Amino acid sequence: MTHENSHLARKLNSFVQLSSAELQCLESLQSTPMRVKSGKELVHEGQTGHLAYILQAGWACSYKLLPDGGRQIITFPLPGDCVGLRSVLLRTSDHSFSALTDVIVSSVEASRMMQIFNEFPRLGASILWAASRDEAMVVEHLVNIGRRSAIERTAHFFFELRERLRLVGLATDTEFMCPLNQYVLADALGLSAIHVNRVLRQLRERQLLTLKGRKVIIQDADALKALAGYQDS
């Protein structure tokens, strides 16, 4: 993958304009892509000695499994995201990652990541910016489940997805492709699948958002953002 069509390069360039050497470094990190089938686990909770991954194509999910078999989805890594970076640096994964669709990933060892921080400090800073941005989103997800109503948290979730996908060129202002079914959405939003269906109907009836097959159509972005209480910062 060249830096011209690298989602990661596009994402990091929004933080700092990367030099040609830095872009070549990113290209080398993604030079040995690996295809992973939908449903395959990349990292499991408690695993040590694992790798970090750069997601080049497809959607993944990070999650924790409960003793009763329930699942709480924490977030959905998208193309251009680094998966498991924090866990690699901490040496033990505190949650699991799996491919939600067929994906293309490139693996990165912890030693290679430390080498990049040493040789390309600006690139390292931009990677840490991306990781910090992802952590900020996890905070919003906590607020979603703890304090926002069902319709507010669903509106926030889809507006955030649009912003994340726009950053890497995979969404327009009004639509994007989304492979998430109502059962997966339920595990992410802390709702039942029936409740998710009801909320999606309310958003559609209010002419804010429509989920049509695998496509999300945003009909009124300003009103959706206001309902979600979404903050650009």
C-alpha atoms as a PDB file:
ATOM      1  CA  MET A   1       0.000   0.000   0.000  1.00  0.00           C
ATOM      2  CA  THR A   2       1.427   3.393  -1.006  1.00  0.00           C
ATOM      3  CA  HIS A   3       1.030   6.496   1.092  1.00  0.00           C
ATOM      4  CA  GLU A   4      -1.191   7.996  -1.610  1.00  0.00           C
ATOM      5  CA  ASN A   5      -3.980   5.521  -0.765  1.00  0.00           C
ATOM      6  CA  SER A   6      -3.119   4.757   2.857  1.00  0.00           C
ATOM      7  CA  HIS A   7      -5.982   5.517   5.225  1.00  0.00           C
ATOM      8  CA  LEU A   8      -3.501   5.742   8.101  1.00  0.00           C
ATOM      9  CA  ALA A   9      -1.395   8.358   6.293  1.00  0.00           C
ATOM     10  CA  ARG A  10      -4.488  10.395   5.516  1.00  0.00           C
ATOM     11  CA  LYS A  11      -5.575  10.225   9.146  1.00  0.00           C
ATOM     12  CA  LEU A  12      -2.193  11.195  10.584  1.00  0.00           C
ATOM     13  CA  ASN A  13      -1.726  13.968   8.014  1.00  0.00           C
ATOM     14  CA  SER A  14      -4.777  15.667   9.491  1.00  0.00           C
ATOM     15  CA  PHE A  15      -2.730  16.154  12.668  1.00  0.00           C
ATOM     16  CA  VAL A  16       0.694  17.017  11.232  1.00  0.00           C
ATOM     17  CA  GLN A  17       1.952  17.229   7.656  1.00  0.00           C
ATOM     18  CA  LEU A  18       4.197  14.198   7.359  1.00  0.00           C
ATOM     19  CA  SER A  19       7.483  14.332   5.464  1.00  0.00           C
ATOM     20  CA  SER A  20       8.320  11.993   2.600  1.00  0.00           C
ATOM     21  CA  ALA A  21      10.572   9.953   4.918  1.00  0.00           C
ATOM     22  CA  GLU A  22       7.785   9.634   7.464  1.00  0.00           C
ATOM     23  CA  LEU A  23       5.319   8.598   4.770  1.00  0.00           C
ATOM     24  CA  GLN A  24       7.782   6.003   3.502  1.00  0.00           C
ATOM     25  CA  CYS A  25       8.064   4.652   7.044  1.00  0.00           C
ATOM     26  CA  LEU A  26       4.277   4.276   7.204  1.00  0.00           C
ATOM     27  CA  GLU A  27       4.353   2.573   3.819  1.00  0.00           C
ATOM     28  CA  SER A  28       6.933   0.068   5.045  1.00  0.00           C
ATOM     29  CA  LEU A  29       4.767  -0.726   8.084  1.00  0.00           C
ATOM     30  CA  GLN A  30       1.962  -1.703   5.729  1.00  0.00           C
ATOM     31  CA  SER A  31       4.058  -3.497   3.113  1.00  0.00           C
ATOM     32  CA  THR A  32       3.113  -7.046   4.177  1.00  0.00           C
ATOM     33  CA  PRO A  33      -0.693  -7.056   4.372  1.00  0.00           C
ATOM     34  CA  MET A  34      -2.549 -10.079   5.669  1.00  0.00           C
ATOM     35  CA  ARG A  35      -6.151 -10.979   4.886  1.00  0.00           C
ATOM     36  CA  VAL A  36      -8.272 -12.058   7.837  1.00  0.00           C
ATOM     37  CA  LYS A  37     -11.738 -13.592   7.529  1.00  0.00           C
ATOM     38  CA  SER A  38     -14.776 -12.138   9.267  1.00  0.00           C
ATOM     39  CA  GLY A  39     -15.156 -13.423  12.823  1.00  0.00           C
ATOM     40  CA  LYS A  40     -11.504 -14.367  13.335  1.00  0.00           C
ATOM     41  CA  GLU A  41     -10.009 -13.187  16.610  1.00  0.00           C
ATOM     42  CA  LEU A  42      -6.803 -11.182  16.296  1.00  0.00           C
ATOM     43  CA  VAL A  43      -6.078 -10.750  20.000  1.00  0.00           C
ATOM     44  CA  HIS A  44      -7.873 -12.217  23.015  1.00  0.00           C
ATOM     45  CA  GLU A  45      -8.197 -10.686  26.460  1.00  0.00           C
ATOM     46  CA  GLY A  46      -5.257 -11.554  28.698  1.00  0.00           C
ATOM     47  CA  GLN A  47      -2.998 -12.467  25.775  1.00  0.00           C
ATOM     48  CA  THR A  48       0.693 -11.602  26.082  1.00  0.00           C
ATOM     49  CA  GLY A  49       3.412 -11.466  23.470  1.00  0.00           C
ATOM     50  CA  HIS A  50       0.966 -10.371  20.800  1.00  0.00           C
ATOM     51  CA  LEU A  51       1.299  -7.844  17.974  1.00  0.00           C
ATOM     52  CA  ALA A  52      -0.354  -4.552  17.177  1.00  0.00           C
ATOM     53  CA  TYR A  53      -2.132  -4.251  13.853  1.00  0.00           C
ATOM     54  CA  ILE A  54      -2.766  -1.504  11.331  1.00  0.00           C
ATOM     55  CA  LEU A  55      -6.215  -1.954   9.858  1.00  0.00           C
ATOM     56  CA  GLN A  56      -5.948  -1.242   6.131  1.00  0.00           C
ATOM     57  CA  ALA A  57      -9.420  -2.330   5.000  1.00  0.00           C
ATOM     58  CA  GLY A  58     -12.596  -3.622   6.607  1.00  0.00           C
ATOM     59  CA  TRP A  59     -14.119  -3.227  10.070  1.00  0.00           C
ATOM     60  CA  ALA A  60     -13.076  -4.812  13.367  1.00  0.00           C
ATOM     61  CA  CYS A  61     -14.474  -4.666  16.886  1.00  0.00           C
ATOM     62  CA  SER A  62     -12.888  -4.538  20.317  1.00  0.00           C
ATOM     63  CA  TYR A  63     -14.888  -6.038  23.144  1.00  0.00           C
ATOM     64  CA  LYS A  64     -15.020  -7.745  26.523  1.00  0.00           C
ATOM     65  CA  LEU A  65     -16.914 -10.953  27.216  1.00  0.00           C
ATOM     66  CA  LEU A  66     -18.828 -11.358  30.478  1.00  0.00           C
ATOM     67  CA  PRO A  67     -19.037 -14.591  32.515  1.00  0.00           C
ATOM     68  CA  ASP A  68     -22.671 -15.060  31.455  1.00  0.00           C
ATOM     69  CA  GLY A  69     -21.678 -14.938  27.769  1.00  0.00           C
ATOM     70  CA  GLY A  70     -22.736 -11.347  27.222  1.00  0.00           C
ATOM     71  CA  ARG A  71     -20.557  -9.050  25.170  1.00  0.00           C
ATOM     72  CA  GLN A  72     -19.861  -5.342  25.499  1.00  0.00           C
ATOM     73  CA  ILE A  73     -18.399  -3.871  22.333  1.00  0.00           C
ATOM     74  CA  ILE A  74     -16.021  -1.064  23.256  1.00  0.00           C
ATOM     75  CA  THR A  75     -15.373   0.393  19.831  1.00  0.00           C
ATOM     76  CA  PHE A  76     -15.121  -0.425  16.145  1.00  0.00           C
ATOM     77  CA  PRO A  77     -11.639  -0.033  14.640  1.00  0.00           C
ATOM     78  CA  LEU A  78     -11.895   1.326  11.081  1.00  0.00           C
ATOM     79  CA  PRO A  79      -9.429   1.555   8.170  1.00  0.00           C
ATOM     80  CA  GLY A  80      -6.493   3.703   9.244  1.00  0.00           C
ATOM     81  CA  ASP A  81      -6.722   2.687  12.906  1.00  0.00           C
ATOM     82  CA  CYS A  82      -3.989   1.014  14.940  1.00  0.00           C
ATOM     83  CA  VAL A  83      -5.453  -1.959  16.802  1.00  0.00           C
ATOM     84  CA  GLY A  84      -3.975  -3.131  20.093  1.00  0.00           C
ATOM     85  CA  LEU A  85      -1.211  -0.524  20.349  1.00  0.00           C
ATOM     86  CA  ARG A  86      -1.824   0.206  24.038  1.00  0.00           C
ATOM     87  CA  SER A  87      -2.036  -3.491  24.851  1.00  0.00           C
ATOM     88  CA  VAL A  88       1.285  -4.165  23.125  1.00  0.00           C
ATOM     89  CA  LEU A  89       3.021  -1.435  25.116  1.00  0.00           C
ATOM     90  CA  LEU A  90       1.438  -2.756  28.348  1.00  0.00           C
ATOM     91  CA  ARG A  91       2.388  -6.329  27.291  1.00  0.00           C
ATOM     92  CA  THR A  92      -1.044  -7.733  28.189  1.00  0.00           C
ATOM     93  CA  SER A  93      -4.282  -7.200  26.293  1.00  0.00           C
ATOM     94  CA  ASP A  94      -7.107  -5.961  28.511  1.00  0.00           C
ATOM     95  CA  HIS A  95      -9.779  -6.813  25.922  1.00  0.00           C
ATOM     96  CA  SER A  96     -10.264  -8.775  22.710  1.00  0.00           C
ATOM     97  CA  PHE A  97     -10.159  -7.776  19.041  1.00  0.00           C
ATOM     98  CA  SER A  98     -11.758  -9.609  16.150  1.00  0.00           C
ATOM     99  CA  ALA A  99     -12.525  -9.002  12.487  1.00  0.00           C
ATOM    100  CA  LEU A 100     -16.116  -7.875  12.045  1.00  0.00           C
ATOM    101  CA  THR A 101     -15.887  -8.119   8.256  1.00  0.00           C
ATOM    102  CA  ASP A 102     -13.165  -9.566   6.061  1.00  0.00           C
ATOM    103  CA  VAL A 103     -10.226  -7.281   6.805  1.00  0.00           C
ATOM    104  CA  ILE A 104      -6.708  -6.513   5.631  1.00  0.00           C
ATOM    105  CA  VAL A 105      -4.188  -5.842   8.393  1.00  0.00           C
ATOM    106  CA  SER A 106      -0.456  -5.356   8.812  1.00  0.00           C
ATOM    107  CA  SER A 107       1.209  -6.506  12.019  1.00  0.00           C
ATOM    108  CA  VAL A 108       3.631  -4.351  13.997  1.00  0.00           C
ATOM    109  CA  GLU A 109       5.924  -5.576  16.772  1.00  0.00           C
ATOM    110  CA  ALA A 110       6.423  -3.486  19.909  1.00  0.00           C
ATOM    111  CA  SER A 111      10.156  -3.142  19.190  1.00  0.00           C
ATOM    112  CA  ARG A 112       9.381  -1.713  15.746  1.00  0.00           C
ATOM    113  CA  MET A 113       6.969   0.791  17.246  1.00  0.00           C
ATOM    114  CA  MET A 114       9.603   1.950  19.762  1.00  0.00           C
ATOM    115  CA  GLN A 115      12.106   2.279  16.921  1.00  0.00           C
ATOM    116  CA  ILE A 116       9.703   4.557  15.052  1.00  0.00           C
ATOM    117  CA  PHE A 117       9.255   6.762  18.125  1.00  0.00           C
ATOM    118  CA  ASN A 118      13.036   7.085  18.339  1.00  0.00           C
ATOM    119  CA  GLU A 119      13.803   7.635  14.639  1.00  0.00           C
ATOM    120  CA  PHE A 120      10.704   9.603  13.643  1.00  0.00           C
ATOM    121  CA  PRO A 121       9.515  11.542  16.721  1.00  0.00           C
ATOM    122  CA  ARG A 122       6.981  13.606  14.746  1.00  0.00           C
ATOM    123  CA  LEU A 123       5.468  10.443  13.325  1.00  0.00           C
ATOM    124  CA  GLY A 124       5.462   8.936  16.811  1.00  0.00           C
ATOM    125  CA  ALA A 125       3.677  12.020  18.133  1.00  0.00           C
ATOM    126  CA  SER A 126       1.038  11.754  15.418  1.00  0.00           C
ATOM    127  CA  ILE A 127       0.476   8.072  16.243  1.00  0.00           C
ATOM    128  CA  LEU A 128       0.063   8.992  19.917  1.00  0.00           C
ATOM    129  CA  TRP A 129      -2.368  11.746  18.867  1.00  0.00           C
ATOM    130  CA  ALA A 130      -4.440   9.162  16.998  1.00  0.00           C
ATOM    131  CA  ALA A 131      -4.351   6.825  20.010  1.00  0.00           C
ATOM    132  CA  SER A 132      -5.365   9.683  22.342  1.00  0.00           C
ATOM    133  CA  ARG A 133      -8.221  10.578  20.009  1.00  0.00           C
ATOM    134  CA  ASP A 134      -9.434   6.992  20.158  1.00  0.00           C
ATOM    135  CA  GLU A 135      -9.264   7.068  23.975  1.00  0.00           C
ATOM    136  CA  ALA A 136     -11.337  10.261  24.000  1.00  0.00           C
ATOM    137  CA  MET A 137     -13.988   8.446  21.975  1.00  0.00           C
ATOM    138  CA  VAL A 138     -14.056   5.618  24.519  1.00  0.00           C
ATOM    139  CA  VAL A 139     -14.831   8.248  27.179  1.00  0.00           C
ATOM    140  CA  GLU A 140     -17.784   9.388  25.069  1.00  0.00           C
ATOM    141  CA  HIS A 141     -18.949   5.795  24.777  1.00  0.00           C
ATOM    142  CA  LEU A 142     -18.927   5.563  28.587  1.00  0.00           C
ATOM    143  CA  VAL A 143     -21.047   8.722  28.769  1.00  0.00           C
ATOM    144  CA  ASN A 144     -23.329   7.236  26.112  1.00  0.00           C
ATOM    145  CA  ILE A 145     -24.116   4.138  28.139  1.00  0.00           C
ATOM    146  CA  GLY A 146     -24.151   5.876  31.516  1.00  0.00           C
ATOM    147  CA  ARG A 147     -26.039   9.115  30.889  1.00  0.00           C
ATOM    148  CA  ARG A 148     -27.454   9.548  27.397  1.00  0.00           C
ATOM    149  CA  SER A 149     -30.897   8.307  26.464  1.00  0.00           C
ATOM    150  CA  ALA A 150     -31.248   5.508  23.917  1.00  0.00           C
ATOM    151  CA  ILE A 151     -31.980   7.877  21.037  1.00  0.00           C
ATOM    152  CA  GLU A 152     -29.204  10.296  22.078  1.00  0.00           C
ATOM    153  CA  ARG A 153     -26.571   7.569  22.336  1.00  0.00           C
ATOM    154  CA  THR A 154     -27.598   6.099  18.976  1.00  0.00           C
ATOM    155  CA  ALA A 155     -27.468   9.530  17.331  1.00  0.00           C
ATOM    156  CA  HIS A 156     -24.041  10.129  18.894  1.00  0.00           C
ATOM    157  CA  PHE A 157     -22.778   6.752  17.734  1.00  0.00           C
ATOM    158  CA  PHE A 158     -23.702   7.295  14.086  1.00  0.00           C
ATOM    159  CA  PHE A 159     -22.532  10.905  13.991  1.00  0.00           C
ATOM    160  CA  GLU A 160     -19.178   9.827  15.430  1.00  0.00           C
ATOM    161  CA  LEU A 161     -18.915   7.067  12.814  1.00  0.00           C
ATOM    162  CA  ARG A 162     -19.506   9.618  10.068  1.00  0.00           C
ATOM    163  CA  GLU A 163     -16.738  11.861  11.416  1.00  0.00           C
ATOM    164  CA  ARG A 164     -14.278   8.990  11.756  1.00  0.00           C
ATOM    165  CA  LEU A 165     -14.998   7.698   8.251  1.00  0.00           C
ATOM    166  CA  ARG A 166     -14.834  11.177   6.712  1.00  0.00           C
ATOM    167  CA  LEU A 167     -11.364  11.604   8.194  1.00  0.00           C
ATOM    168  CA  VAL A 168     -10.072   8.693   6.082  1.00  0.00           C
ATOM    169  CA  GLY A 169     -12.159   9.429   2.988  1.00  0.00           C
ATOM    170  CA  LEU A 170     -14.796   6.719   3.469  1.00  0.00           C
ATOM    171  CA  ALA A 171     -17.857   8.893   4.075  1.00  0.00           C
ATOM    172  CA  THR A 172     -19.519  11.933   2.578  1.00  0.00           C
ATOM    173  CA  ASP A 173     -21.455  14.534   4.552  1.00  0.00           C
ATOM    174  CA  THR A 174     -24.665  12.579   4.037  1.00  0.00           C
ATOM    175  CA  GLU A 175     -23.879   8.865   3.761  1.00  0.00           C
ATOM    176  CA  PHE A 176     -21.508   5.998   4.428  1.00  0.00           C
ATOM    177  CA  MET A 177     -21.469   2.223   4.242  1.00  0.00           C
ATOM    178  CA  CYS A 178     -21.974   0.409   7.544  1.00  0.00           C
ATOM    179  CA  PRO A 179     -21.871  -3.407   8.014  1.00  0.00           C
ATOM    180  CA  LEU A 180     -23.325  -3.377  11.545  1.00  0.00           C
ATOM    181  CA  ASN A 181     -26.538  -5.292  12.154  1.00  0.00           C
ATOM    182  CA  GLN A 182     -28.925  -4.554  15.018  1.00  0.00           C
ATOM    183  CA  TYR A 183     -27.463  -7.266  17.265  1.00  0.00           C
ATOM    184  CA  VAL A 184     -23.973  -5.797  16.938  1.00  0.00           C
ATOM    185  CA  LEU A 185     -25.357  -2.298  17.514  1.00  0.00           C
ATOM    186  CA  ALA A 186     -27.117  -3.605  20.628  1.00  0.00           C
ATOM    187  CA  ASP A 187     -23.818  -4.905  22.050  1.00  0.00           C
ATOM    188  CA  ALA A 188     -22.189  -1.531  21.395  1.00  0.00           C
ATOM    189  CA  LEU A 189     -25.001   0.684  22.669  1.00  0.00           C
ATOM    190  CA  GLY A 190     -26.010  -1.339  25.703  1.00  0.00           C
ATOM    191  CA  LEU A 191     -29.533  -1.865  24.358  1.00  0.00           C
ATOM    192  CA  SER A 192     -31.554  -4.849  23.225  1.00  0.00           C
ATOM    193  CA  ALA A 193     -31.860  -5.508  19.501  1.00  0.00           C
ATOM    194  CA  ILE A 194     -35.578  -4.728  19.741  1.00  0.00           C
ATOM    195  CA  HIS A 195     -34.821  -1.386  21.384  1.00  0.00           C
ATOM    196  CA  VAL A 196     -32.248  -0.578  18.690  1.00  0.00           C
ATOM    197  CA  ASN A 197     -34.886  -1.268  16.033  1.00  0.00           C
ATOM    198  CA  ARG A 198     -37.317   1.070  17.796  1.00  0.00           C
ATOM    199  CA  VAL A 199     -34.744   3.872  18.099  1.00  0.00           C
ATOM    200  CA  LEU A 200     -33.721   3.575  14.446  1.00  0.00           C
ATOM    201  CA  ARG A 201     -37.379   3.906  13.511  1.00  0.00           C
ATOM    202  CA  GLN A 202     -37.654   7.071  15.651  1.00  0.00           C
ATOM    203  CA  LEU A 203     -34.599   8.592  13.951  1.00  0.00           C
ATOM    204  CA  ARG A 204     -36.076   7.752  10.562  1.00  0.00           C
ATOM    205  CA  GLU A 205     -39.490   9.205  11.444  1.00  0.00           C
ATOM    206  CA  ARG A 206     -37.826  12.404  12.669  1.00  0.00           C
ATOM    207  CA  GLN A 207     -36.032  12.566   9.305  1.00  0.00           C
ATOM    208  CA  LEU A 208     -32.605  12.599  10.921  1.00  0.00           C
ATOM    209  CA  LEU A 209     -31.052   9.303   9.844  1.00  0.00           C
ATOM    210  CA  THR A 210     -31.997   6.206   7.885  1.00  0.00           C
ATOM    211  CA  LEU A 211     -30.209   2.851   7.979  1.00  0.00           C
ATOM    212  CA  LYS A 212     -31.009   1.251   4.644  1.00  0.00           C
ATOM    213  CA  GLY A 213     -29.394  -2.126   4.184  1.00  0.00           C
ATOM    214  CA  ARG A 214     -25.695  -1.479   4.699  1.00  0.00           C
ATOM    215  CA  LYS A 215     -25.905   2.245   4.032  1.00  0.00           C
ATOM    216  CA  VAL A 216     -26.411   5.025   6.584  1.00  0.00           C
ATOM    217  CA  ILE A 217     -28.094   8.114   5.137  1.00  0.00           C
ATOM    218  CA  ILE A 218     -27.946  11.259   7.257  1.00  0.00           C
ATOM    219  CA  GLN A 219     -30.853  13.498   6.375  1.00  0.00           C
ATOM    220  CA  ASP A 220     -30.236  16.363   8.811  1.00  0.00           C
ATOM    221  CA  ALA A 221     -26.671  16.428  10.157  1.00  0.00           C
ATOM    222  CA  ASP A 222     -27.116  19.589  12.254  1.00  0.00           C
ATOM    223  CA  ALA A 223     -30.218  18.260  14.006  1.00  0.00           C
ATOM    224  CA  LEU A 224     -28.590  14.844  14.522  1.00  0.00           C
ATOM    225  CA  LYS A 225     -25.514  16.485  16.041  1.00  0.00           C
ATOM    226  CA  ALA A 226     -27.664  18.609  18.345  1.00  0.00           C
ATOM    227  CA  LEU A 227     -29.686  15.608  19.492  1.00  0.00           C
ATOM    228  CA  ALA A 228     -26.471  13.657  20.185  1.00  0.00           C
ATOM    229  CA  GLY A 229     -24.814  16.515  22.057  1.00  0.00           C
ATOM    230  CA  TYR A 230     -21.779  15.788  19.896  1.00  0.00           C
ATOM    231  CA  GLN A 231     -18.715  17.957  20.566  1.00  0.00           C
ATOM    232  CA  ASP A 232     -16.152  18.315  17.791  1.00  0.00           C
ATOM    233  CA  SER A 233     -13.324  18.607  20.291  1.00  0.00           C
END
